[in-house]
């Protein structure tokens, strides 16, 4: 299945330190929320539809600190990361290792100093729909591959260290090579409800 380039998005105030009776460090939150528009991502806004992650849930996704592979909080393979989709979004519970950096992160989340989550993804072939809106363009995400979910200090929007693709980059790299106008005018069928949009 052909995929787009890796992208990162951040959700605010969606993580908390989950108290555990067994003394282990647990975090719980939503790495992505369905049916809510993002901020302006450089000429377009996007929305994630329910079911967008369903094909990714069986994979060995990592939960990281700040998308850094040197700080793995958990993963499904080891039984330390649980990922699921519910009516709100992509929910996770992770049991962190007993390491100084994980304890520091736990205290920062518990105090509210760190309260954001992020996810790294790529769009599966046919997994996005573009629509023209009064405010510019809208990208509807319907099928995604998931690389990691992360608890982050800073959001991954323009002006931060993480790369976010602009509307021009996404349109330029679109697998069919359509131009902006052709994508926005193309009638596509959303998997969620089978509605056609122009």
Protein backbone atom coordinates (compact mmCIF):
# COMPACT_ATOMS: atom_id res chain seq x y z
CA UNK A 1 0.00 0.00 0.00
CA UNK A 2 1.52 3.31 -1.08
CA UNK A 3 1.95 5.86 1.70
CA UNK A 4 2.75 9.54 1.93
CA UNK A 5 5.75 11.02 3.71
CA UNK A 6 5.87 10.81 7.51
CA UNK A 7 4.02 13.66 9.24
CA UNK A 8 3.53 14.73 12.86
CA UNK A 9 0.51 16.33 14.58
CA UNK A 10 0.01 17.47 18.18
CA UNK A 11 -3.04 17.54 20.44
CA UNK A 12 -3.13 19.84 23.47
CA UNK A 13 -4.06 18.86 27.03
CA UNK A 14 -4.66 15.23 26.19
CA UNK A 15 -2.28 13.37 28.53
CA UNK A 16 -2.25 12.72 32.25
CA UNK A 17 -0.18 10.79 34.74
CA UNK A 18 -2.39 7.85 35.69
CA UNK A 19 -1.93 6.79 39.31
CA UNK A 20 -1.18 3.11 39.66
CA UNK A 21 -1.59 1.01 42.80
CA UNK A 22 1.32 -1.22 41.79
CA UNK A 23 3.74 1.73 41.87
CA UNK A 24 4.39 1.68 38.11
CA UNK A 25 4.48 4.86 36.06
CA UNK A 26 1.49 5.05 33.74
CA UNK A 27 0.39 7.70 31.29
CA UNK A 28 -2.99 7.89 29.62
CA UNK A 29 -4.31 10.16 26.94
CA UNK A 30 -5.49 10.77 23.41
CA UNK A 31 -2.83 11.04 20.74
CA UNK A 32 -5.49 12.09 18.19
CA UNK A 33 -9.06 13.32 18.46
CA UNK A 34 -11.72 12.61 15.83
CA UNK A 35 -14.01 15.13 14.16
CA UNK A 36 -12.15 18.23 15.38
CA UNK A 37 -10.37 20.62 13.06
CA UNK A 38 -6.66 21.31 13.45
CA UNK A 39 -5.15 24.75 13.58
CA UNK A 40 -4.08 26.24 10.24
CA UNK A 41 -1.29 23.98 8.99
CA UNK A 42 0.09 26.34 6.38
CA UNK A 43 -2.83 26.97 4.04
CA UNK A 44 -5.09 24.12 5.06
CA UNK A 45 -6.82 22.61 8.07
CA UNK A 46 -7.43 18.94 8.62
CA UNK A 47 -9.81 16.64 10.41
CA UNK A 48 -9.44 12.96 11.31
CA UNK A 49 -12.45 10.72 10.83
CA UNK A 50 -13.32 7.81 13.14
CA UNK A 51 -11.72 4.61 11.91
CA UNK A 52 -8.66 6.34 10.41
CA UNK A 53 -6.30 4.28 12.61
CA UNK A 54 -8.13 0.93 12.48
CA UNK A 55 -5.56 -0.69 10.17
CA UNK A 56 -2.66 0.62 12.27
CA UNK A 57 -3.79 -0.72 15.64
CA UNK A 58 -2.31 -4.19 15.14
CA UNK A 59 1.18 -2.81 14.44
CA UNK A 60 4.11 -2.46 16.81
CA UNK A 61 3.75 1.28 17.37
CA UNK A 62 6.06 2.96 19.88
CA UNK A 63 5.14 5.45 22.58
CA UNK A 64 8.02 7.92 22.84
CA UNK A 65 9.01 11.04 24.69
CA UNK A 66 9.22 13.96 22.23
CA UNK A 67 9.36 11.56 19.23
CA UNK A 68 12.86 10.58 20.34
CA UNK A 69 13.54 6.85 19.70
CA UNK A 70 16.08 6.91 22.55
CA UNK A 71 13.22 7.39 25.03
CA UNK A 72 10.77 4.54 24.51
CA UNK A 73 7.94 4.62 27.03
CA UNK A 74 6.31 1.44 25.77
CA UNK A 75 5.16 -0.67 22.84
CA UNK A 76 2.46 -3.29 22.18
CA UNK A 77 5.01 -6.06 21.53
CA UNK A 78 6.20 -5.89 25.14
CA UNK A 79 2.69 -5.39 26.54
CA UNK A 80 3.52 -1.91 27.84
CA UNK A 81 1.40 0.11 25.38
CA UNK A 82 -2.33 -0.26 24.78
CA UNK A 83 -3.81 1.60 21.80
CA UNK A 84 -7.46 1.70 20.82
CA UNK A 85 -9.95 3.83 18.96
CA UNK A 86 -13.05 4.94 20.81
CA UNK A 87 -15.72 7.49 19.95
CA UNK A 88 -13.40 10.35 20.95
CA UNK A 89 -10.16 9.37 19.21
CA UNK A 90 -6.93 7.38 19.42
CA UNK A 91 -6.62 6.49 23.10
CA UNK A 92 -3.49 5.12 24.74
CA UNK A 93 -2.31 3.80 28.09
CA UNK A 94 1.42 3.25 28.51
CA UNK A 95 3.39 1.75 31.39
CA UNK A 96 6.77 3.50 31.41
CA UNK A 97 10.10 1.95 32.38
CA UNK A 98 11.57 2.58 35.82
CA UNK A 99 14.14 5.07 34.55
CA UNK A 100 15.11 8.52 35.80
CA UNK A 101 13.96 10.27 32.61
CA UNK A 102 10.55 8.51 32.78
CA UNK A 103 10.12 9.52 36.44
CA UNK A 104 11.00 13.11 35.53
CA UNK A 105 8.45 13.03 32.72
CA UNK A 106 5.84 11.60 35.08
CA UNK A 107 6.37 14.47 37.55
CA UNK A 108 6.19 17.05 34.74
CA UNK A 109 2.90 15.62 33.46
CA UNK A 110 1.49 15.33 36.96
CA UNK A 111 2.33 19.00 37.63
CA UNK A 112 0.84 20.07 34.30
CA UNK A 113 4.13 21.33 32.86
CA UNK A 114 3.80 18.87 29.98
CA UNK A 115 0.26 18.25 28.75
CA UNK A 116 0.42 17.52 25.04
CA UNK A 117 0.45 14.43 22.89
CA UNK A 118 1.54 13.96 19.34
CA UNK A 119 1.48 11.23 16.74
CA UNK A 120 3.66 10.44 13.74
CA UNK A 121 1.81 9.04 10.74
CA UNK A 122 1.64 8.68 6.99
CA UNK A 123 -1.44 8.69 4.82
CA UNK A 124 -2.32 5.38 3.18
CA UNK A 125 -3.11 5.33 -0.52
CA UNK A 126 -6.62 6.74 -0.91
CA UNK A 127 -6.59 7.75 2.76
CA UNK A 128 -7.20 11.47 2.32
CA UNK A 129 -9.84 13.69 0.77
CA UNK A 130 -9.30 17.35 -0.14
CA UNK A 131 -12.10 19.90 -0.12
CA UNK A 132 -12.22 23.58 -0.93
CA UNK A 133 -13.64 25.73 1.88
CA UNK A 134 -14.31 29.41 2.40
CA UNK A 135 -11.12 29.58 4.47
CA UNK A 136 -8.88 27.81 1.94
CA UNK A 137 -8.53 24.04 1.87
CA UNK A 138 -9.51 21.16 4.11
CA UNK A 139 -7.83 17.77 4.30
CA UNK A 140 -9.95 14.89 5.60
CA UNK A 141 -7.88 11.95 6.89
CA UNK A 142 -9.63 8.59 6.55
CA UNK A 143 -6.85 5.94 6.55
CA UNK A 144 -3.48 6.33 8.28
CA UNK A 145 -0.38 4.33 9.13
CA UNK A 146 0.93 5.04 12.61
CA UNK A 147 4.63 5.20 13.57
CA UNK A 148 4.49 6.47 17.12
CA UNK A 149 2.49 8.32 19.72
CA UNK A 150 4.48 10.72 21.88
CA UNK A 151 4.18 12.78 25.00
CA UNK A 152 5.68 16.11 23.98
CA UNK A 153 6.96 19.34 25.45
CA UNK A 154 6.28 21.45 22.36
CA UNK A 155 3.64 21.06 19.69
CA UNK A 156 4.71 19.94 16.23
CA UNK A 157 3.19 22.83 14.30
CA UNK A 158 5.00 25.42 12.13
CA UNK A 159 7.77 27.23 13.97
CA UNK A 160 8.79 24.24 16.09
CA UNK A 161 11.64 21.80 15.53
CA UNK A 162 9.52 18.99 14.12
CA UNK A 163 8.80 19.06 10.41
CA UNK A 164 5.26 19.78 9.34
CA UNK A 165 4.47 19.66 5.67
CA UNK A 166 2.87 22.78 4.22
CA UNK A 167 -0.13 22.63 1.92
CA UNK A 168 2.17 23.31 -1.04
CA UNK A 169 4.45 20.38 -0.14
CA UNK A 170 1.52 18.01 0.30
CA UNK A 171 -0.04 19.08 -3.00
CA UNK A 172 3.30 18.95 -4.84
CA UNK A 173 3.99 15.43 -3.58
CA UNK A 174 0.47 14.07 -4.08
CA UNK A 175 0.89 10.59 -5.62
CA UNK A 176 -1.16 11.41 -8.71
CA UNK A 177 0.57 14.72 -9.29
CA UNK A 178 -2.64 16.73 -9.39
CA UNK A 179 -2.44 20.47 -9.02
CA UNK A 180 -4.17 22.35 -6.21
CA UNK A 181 -7.26 23.18 -8.25
CA UNK A 182 -7.68 19.64 -9.56
CA UNK A 183 -7.45 18.11 -6.07
CA UNK A 184 -9.93 20.54 -4.61
CA UNK A 185 -12.38 20.04 -7.48
CA UNK A 186 -12.01 16.26 -7.67
CA UNK A 187 -15.09 14.49 -6.34
CA UNK A 188 -14.03 11.88 -3.82
CA UNK A 189 -16.09 9.52 -1.77
CA UNK A 190 -15.50 9.57 1.99
CA UNK A 191 -15.47 6.16 3.59
CA UNK A 192 -17.30 7.66 6.53
CA UNK A 193 -20.87 7.91 5.31
CA UNK A 194 -20.20 7.74 1.56
CA UNK A 195 -20.83 11.45 1.05
CA UNK A 196 -19.44 13.14 -2.05
CA UNK A 197 -17.74 16.51 -1.67
CA UNK A 198 -16.51 19.04 -4.19
